[in-house]
N, C-alpha and C. Protein backbone atom coordinates (compact mmCIF):
# COMPACT_ATOMS: atom_id res chain seq x y z
N MET A 1 -177.90 148.05 17.50
CA MET A 1 -177.03 147.26 16.66
C MET A 1 -176.40 146.14 17.57
N HIS A 2 -176.39 144.93 17.02
CA HIS A 2 -175.96 143.75 17.76
C HIS A 2 -174.72 143.18 17.05
N LEU A 3 -173.60 143.63 17.52
CA LEU A 3 -172.34 143.25 16.86
C LEU A 3 -171.73 141.95 17.39
N THR A 4 -170.94 141.32 16.54
CA THR A 4 -170.13 140.15 17.05
C THR A 4 -168.82 140.74 17.62
N ALA A 5 -168.11 139.89 18.34
CA ALA A 5 -166.87 140.37 18.85
C ALA A 5 -165.87 140.84 17.79
N GLU A 6 -165.93 140.11 16.66
CA GLU A 6 -165.07 140.46 15.53
C GLU A 6 -165.43 141.82 14.93
N ALA A 7 -166.68 142.11 14.87
CA ALA A 7 -167.17 143.42 14.36
C ALA A 7 -166.77 144.55 15.37
N VAL A 8 -166.94 144.25 16.61
CA VAL A 8 -166.45 145.21 17.68
C VAL A 8 -164.95 145.48 17.48
N HIS A 9 -164.18 144.39 17.29
CA HIS A 9 -162.74 144.51 17.16
C HIS A 9 -162.39 145.34 15.94
N GLY A 10 -163.10 145.07 14.83
CA GLY A 10 -162.85 145.90 13.61
C GLY A 10 -163.04 147.40 13.89
N ARG A 11 -164.12 147.72 14.55
CA ARG A 11 -164.44 149.14 14.80
C ARG A 11 -163.40 149.70 15.77
N ALA A 12 -163.04 148.93 16.80
CA ALA A 12 -162.06 149.39 17.78
C ALA A 12 -160.71 149.65 17.14
N GLN A 13 -160.41 148.89 16.14
CA GLN A 13 -159.03 148.99 15.44
C GLN A 13 -158.96 150.35 14.68
N GLU A 14 -160.16 150.87 14.31
CA GLU A 14 -160.13 152.19 13.61
C GLU A 14 -159.56 153.26 14.52
N ARG A 15 -159.81 153.11 15.79
CA ARG A 15 -159.26 154.10 16.78
C ARG A 15 -158.00 153.64 17.49
N LEU A 16 -157.87 152.34 17.66
CA LEU A 16 -156.71 151.76 18.36
C LEU A 16 -156.19 150.61 17.55
N PRO A 17 -155.36 150.87 16.56
CA PRO A 17 -154.96 149.80 15.64
C PRO A 17 -154.22 148.61 16.33
N GLU A 18 -153.62 148.91 17.53
CA GLU A 18 -152.98 147.82 18.19
C GLU A 18 -153.81 146.87 19.06
N ILE A 19 -155.08 147.20 19.22
CA ILE A 19 -155.96 146.44 20.09
C ILE A 19 -156.11 144.98 19.55
N SER A 20 -156.08 144.04 20.44
CA SER A 20 -156.12 142.66 20.07
C SER A 20 -157.54 142.14 20.15
N LEU A 21 -157.91 141.03 19.45
CA LEU A 21 -159.17 140.43 19.51
C LEU A 21 -159.40 139.85 20.93
N ALA A 22 -158.32 139.34 21.57
CA ALA A 22 -158.43 138.88 22.92
C ALA A 22 -158.90 139.94 23.88
N THR A 23 -158.32 141.16 23.74
CA THR A 23 -158.73 142.25 24.57
C THR A 23 -160.23 142.57 24.45
N VAL A 24 -160.70 142.54 23.14
CA VAL A 24 -162.09 142.83 22.90
C VAL A 24 -162.98 141.76 23.55
N TYR A 25 -162.59 140.45 23.42
CA TYR A 25 -163.35 139.41 24.04
C TYR A 25 -163.36 139.56 25.51
N ASN A 26 -162.24 139.79 26.15
CA ASN A 26 -162.13 140.02 27.61
C ASN A 26 -162.97 141.12 28.09
N THR A 27 -162.90 142.26 27.35
CA THR A 27 -163.73 143.49 27.70
C THR A 27 -165.19 143.14 27.59
N LEU A 28 -165.64 142.53 26.53
CA LEU A 28 -167.00 142.14 26.33
C LEU A 28 -167.53 141.24 27.44
N ASN A 29 -166.69 140.26 27.78
CA ASN A 29 -167.04 139.30 28.89
C ASN A 29 -167.19 140.10 30.16
N GLU A 30 -166.33 141.02 30.47
CA GLU A 30 -166.50 141.86 31.66
C GLU A 30 -167.76 142.72 31.70
N LEU A 31 -168.07 143.28 30.53
CA LEU A 31 -169.25 144.09 30.39
C LEU A 31 -170.50 143.25 30.59
N VAL A 32 -170.50 142.05 30.07
CA VAL A 32 -171.61 141.07 30.24
C VAL A 32 -171.75 140.81 31.73
N ALA A 33 -170.66 140.51 32.42
CA ALA A 33 -170.65 140.13 33.82
C ALA A 33 -171.20 141.32 34.71
N MET A 34 -170.84 142.49 34.21
CA MET A 34 -171.30 143.67 35.01
C MET A 34 -172.76 144.07 34.63
N GLY A 35 -173.35 143.44 33.65
CA GLY A 35 -174.74 143.69 33.27
C GLY A 35 -174.84 144.89 32.41
N GLU A 36 -173.79 145.34 31.79
CA GLU A 36 -173.77 146.56 30.92
C GLU A 36 -174.10 146.22 29.48
N VAL A 37 -173.81 144.95 29.13
CA VAL A 37 -174.04 144.49 27.74
C VAL A 37 -174.65 143.06 27.84
N LEU A 38 -175.58 142.77 26.92
CA LEU A 38 -176.24 141.43 26.90
C LEU A 38 -175.49 140.58 25.85
N GLU A 39 -175.28 139.38 26.12
CA GLU A 39 -174.72 138.38 25.16
C GLU A 39 -175.93 137.65 24.55
N VAL A 40 -176.09 137.74 23.25
CA VAL A 40 -177.30 137.15 22.59
C VAL A 40 -176.88 136.04 21.64
N PRO A 41 -177.33 134.75 21.94
CA PRO A 41 -177.02 133.72 20.95
C PRO A 41 -177.83 133.98 19.71
N ALA A 42 -177.21 133.83 18.54
CA ALA A 42 -177.93 134.22 17.31
C ALA A 42 -178.11 132.97 16.47
N GLY A 43 -178.88 132.01 16.95
CA GLY A 43 -179.35 130.91 16.14
C GLY A 43 -178.19 130.07 15.52
N GLY A 44 -177.21 129.73 16.33
CA GLY A 44 -176.16 128.87 15.83
C GLY A 44 -174.99 129.66 15.24
N GLY A 45 -175.14 130.94 14.99
CA GLY A 45 -174.04 131.77 14.50
C GLY A 45 -173.21 132.32 15.64
N ALA A 46 -172.35 133.27 15.38
CA ALA A 46 -171.48 133.85 16.35
C ALA A 46 -172.37 134.65 17.37
N LYS A 47 -171.95 134.71 18.62
CA LYS A 47 -172.65 135.45 19.67
C LYS A 47 -172.66 136.89 19.28
N ARG A 48 -173.72 137.59 19.59
CA ARG A 48 -173.85 138.95 19.37
C ARG A 48 -173.92 139.69 20.71
N TYR A 49 -173.54 140.94 20.73
CA TYR A 49 -173.59 141.72 21.94
C TYR A 49 -174.51 142.94 21.74
N ASP A 50 -175.40 143.08 22.77
CA ASP A 50 -176.48 144.05 22.69
C ASP A 50 -176.19 145.09 23.80
N PRO A 51 -175.99 146.39 23.33
CA PRO A 51 -175.74 147.45 24.31
C PRO A 51 -177.04 147.88 25.05
N ASN A 52 -178.17 147.39 24.72
CA ASN A 52 -179.42 147.77 25.35
C ASN A 52 -179.75 146.86 26.60
N ALA A 53 -178.76 146.73 27.42
CA ALA A 53 -178.90 145.88 28.58
C ALA A 53 -179.94 146.34 29.61
N HIS A 54 -180.21 147.59 29.62
CA HIS A 54 -181.09 148.12 30.64
C HIS A 54 -182.54 148.42 30.07
N LEU A 55 -182.77 147.93 28.92
CA LEU A 55 -184.06 148.11 28.24
C LEU A 55 -184.72 146.75 28.12
N ALA A 56 -185.84 146.54 28.73
CA ALA A 56 -186.55 145.21 28.69
C ALA A 56 -186.99 144.98 27.25
N HIS A 57 -186.43 143.90 26.62
CA HIS A 57 -186.81 143.54 25.26
C HIS A 57 -186.40 142.15 24.95
N GLN A 58 -186.79 141.67 23.86
CA GLN A 58 -186.40 140.27 23.37
C GLN A 58 -185.76 140.50 21.99
N HIS A 59 -185.52 139.37 21.30
CA HIS A 59 -184.86 139.44 20.00
C HIS A 59 -185.52 138.67 18.94
N LEU A 60 -185.36 139.09 17.69
CA LEU A 60 -185.84 138.45 16.53
C LEU A 60 -184.62 138.27 15.55
N VAL A 61 -184.41 137.02 15.20
CA VAL A 61 -183.22 136.70 14.38
C VAL A 61 -183.63 135.96 13.06
N CYS A 62 -183.01 136.43 11.97
CA CYS A 62 -183.20 135.75 10.68
C CYS A 62 -182.38 134.42 10.67
N THR A 63 -183.01 133.28 10.41
CA THR A 63 -182.28 132.04 10.46
C THR A 63 -181.45 131.81 9.20
N ARG A 64 -181.55 132.70 8.23
CA ARG A 64 -180.73 132.58 7.03
C ARG A 64 -179.50 133.45 7.09
N CYS A 65 -179.69 134.77 7.33
CA CYS A 65 -178.57 135.69 7.27
C CYS A 65 -178.05 136.12 8.61
N GLY A 66 -178.79 135.83 9.69
CA GLY A 66 -178.39 136.16 11.07
C GLY A 66 -178.73 137.57 11.47
N GLU A 67 -179.45 138.36 10.68
CA GLU A 67 -179.87 139.69 11.13
C GLU A 67 -180.53 139.54 12.54
N LEU A 68 -180.27 140.48 13.36
CA LEU A 68 -180.81 140.37 14.72
C LEU A 68 -181.42 141.73 15.04
N ARG A 69 -182.66 141.72 15.52
CA ARG A 69 -183.41 142.96 15.85
C ARG A 69 -183.99 142.88 17.31
N ASP A 70 -184.06 144.03 17.95
CA ASP A 70 -184.80 144.11 19.25
C ASP A 70 -186.31 144.07 18.90
N VAL A 71 -187.05 143.36 19.76
CA VAL A 71 -188.55 143.36 19.63
C VAL A 71 -189.13 143.51 21.03
N PHE A 72 -190.33 143.92 21.10
CA PHE A 72 -191.02 144.19 22.37
C PHE A 72 -192.34 143.42 22.36
N PRO A 73 -192.35 142.09 22.60
CA PRO A 73 -193.59 141.29 22.45
C PRO A 73 -194.70 141.64 23.44
N ALA A 74 -195.86 141.55 22.91
CA ALA A 74 -197.07 141.76 23.78
C ALA A 74 -197.20 140.51 24.65
N GLY A 75 -197.68 140.70 25.92
CA GLY A 75 -197.96 139.62 26.79
C GLY A 75 -196.72 139.04 27.53
N GLU A 76 -195.59 139.61 27.34
CA GLU A 76 -194.39 139.09 27.93
C GLU A 76 -194.46 139.11 29.44
N THR A 77 -195.05 140.14 30.01
CA THR A 77 -195.09 140.27 31.46
C THR A 77 -195.97 139.19 32.09
N ALA A 78 -196.88 138.55 31.33
CA ALA A 78 -197.75 137.52 31.93
C ALA A 78 -197.09 136.18 31.81
N LEU A 79 -195.91 136.00 31.17
CA LEU A 79 -195.23 134.78 30.96
C LEU A 79 -194.69 134.26 32.32
N SER A 80 -195.01 133.00 32.64
CA SER A 80 -194.56 132.46 33.91
C SER A 80 -194.51 130.95 33.78
N LEU A 81 -193.87 130.31 34.76
CA LEU A 81 -193.80 128.89 34.86
C LEU A 81 -194.51 128.37 36.07
N ASP A 82 -195.27 127.33 35.92
CA ASP A 82 -195.86 126.74 37.08
C ASP A 82 -194.79 126.13 37.98
N ALA A 83 -195.07 125.93 39.23
CA ALA A 83 -194.03 125.44 40.14
C ALA A 83 -193.44 124.11 39.70
N ASP A 84 -194.23 123.22 39.12
CA ASP A 84 -193.71 121.91 38.66
C ASP A 84 -192.72 122.12 37.47
N ASP A 85 -193.00 123.10 36.66
CA ASP A 85 -192.10 123.35 35.52
C ASP A 85 -190.81 124.06 35.87
N ARG A 86 -190.78 124.65 37.06
CA ARG A 86 -189.60 125.34 37.56
C ARG A 86 -188.56 124.36 38.06
N HIS A 87 -188.94 123.12 38.40
CA HIS A 87 -188.03 122.15 38.93
C HIS A 87 -187.14 122.61 40.04
N GLY A 88 -187.73 123.45 40.87
CA GLY A 88 -187.01 123.97 42.08
C GLY A 88 -186.14 125.23 41.81
N TYR A 89 -186.07 125.56 40.54
CA TYR A 89 -185.30 126.79 40.20
C TYR A 89 -185.91 128.03 40.73
N GLU A 90 -185.13 129.02 41.06
CA GLU A 90 -185.56 130.36 41.25
C GLU A 90 -185.38 131.11 39.90
N VAL A 91 -186.40 131.39 39.26
CA VAL A 91 -186.30 132.10 37.91
C VAL A 91 -185.93 133.57 38.10
N THR A 92 -184.84 133.97 37.47
CA THR A 92 -184.34 135.34 37.67
C THR A 92 -184.41 136.12 36.39
N ALA A 93 -184.63 135.50 35.24
CA ALA A 93 -184.75 136.19 33.98
C ALA A 93 -185.38 135.29 32.92
N VAL A 94 -185.94 135.92 31.98
CA VAL A 94 -186.58 135.22 30.83
C VAL A 94 -185.99 135.82 29.53
N ARG A 95 -185.48 134.94 28.67
CA ARG A 95 -184.95 135.42 27.40
C ARG A 95 -185.71 134.64 26.33
N ILE A 96 -186.23 135.36 25.35
CA ILE A 96 -186.97 134.76 24.29
C ILE A 96 -186.31 135.28 22.97
N VAL A 97 -186.03 134.26 22.08
CA VAL A 97 -185.54 134.60 20.76
C VAL A 97 -186.45 134.16 19.73
N PHE A 98 -187.13 135.07 19.02
CA PHE A 98 -187.98 134.71 17.93
C PHE A 98 -187.11 134.50 16.69
N GLU A 99 -187.42 133.44 15.94
CA GLU A 99 -186.71 133.15 14.74
C GLU A 99 -187.57 133.20 13.52
N GLY A 100 -187.03 133.53 12.37
CA GLY A 100 -187.83 133.64 11.19
C GLY A 100 -186.91 133.97 10.01
N VAL A 101 -187.54 134.34 8.95
CA VAL A 101 -186.73 134.72 7.69
C VAL A 101 -187.11 136.15 7.38
N CYS A 102 -186.06 136.97 7.29
CA CYS A 102 -186.24 138.40 7.04
C CYS A 102 -186.74 138.65 5.60
N PRO A 103 -187.23 139.80 5.30
CA PRO A 103 -187.75 140.13 3.97
C PRO A 103 -186.74 139.99 2.93
N SER A 104 -185.49 140.40 3.15
CA SER A 104 -184.44 140.33 2.17
C SER A 104 -184.18 138.85 1.77
N CYS A 105 -184.05 137.99 2.75
CA CYS A 105 -183.79 136.58 2.50
C CYS A 105 -184.97 135.93 1.82
N ARG A 106 -186.21 136.34 2.15
CA ARG A 106 -187.39 135.78 1.47
C ARG A 106 -187.38 136.09 0.06
N GLU A 107 -187.08 137.43 -0.27
CA GLU A 107 -187.02 137.86 -1.64
C GLU A 107 -185.89 137.17 -2.42
N ALA A 108 -184.74 136.98 -1.85
CA ALA A 108 -183.64 136.24 -2.47
C ALA A 108 -184.02 134.86 -2.75
N GLY A 109 -184.77 134.19 -1.85
CA GLY A 109 -185.23 132.78 -2.00
C GLY A 109 -186.22 132.67 -3.10
N ALA A 110 -187.08 133.71 -3.30
CA ALA A 110 -188.10 133.64 -4.26
C ALA A 110 -187.55 133.96 -5.72
N ALA A 111 -186.42 134.53 -5.77
CA ALA A 111 -185.85 134.89 -7.10
C ALA A 111 -185.18 133.73 -7.76
């Protein structure tokens, strides 16, 4: 599940009604910095947070409703940049976000 900070805040309030949204953002930022949670940009929408930080995977996002799913693309391990394309960078990670329209949004658009 890839929740927004606001959704995490809502769930946290069920147990700790006094928790602030700022505390949730600060905690999520710390977890991202520690590598315990991934921050996933969701195609122009609110950032999402992925608890599967230690599982090698990529993401698939619906460009209409923002649904976000984990995916495991074939051939990912062979993906690389030629030296000229690295522009002197030391590449430390690769993040790929596949975009498309989910079945529910396609059905709603056809109706």
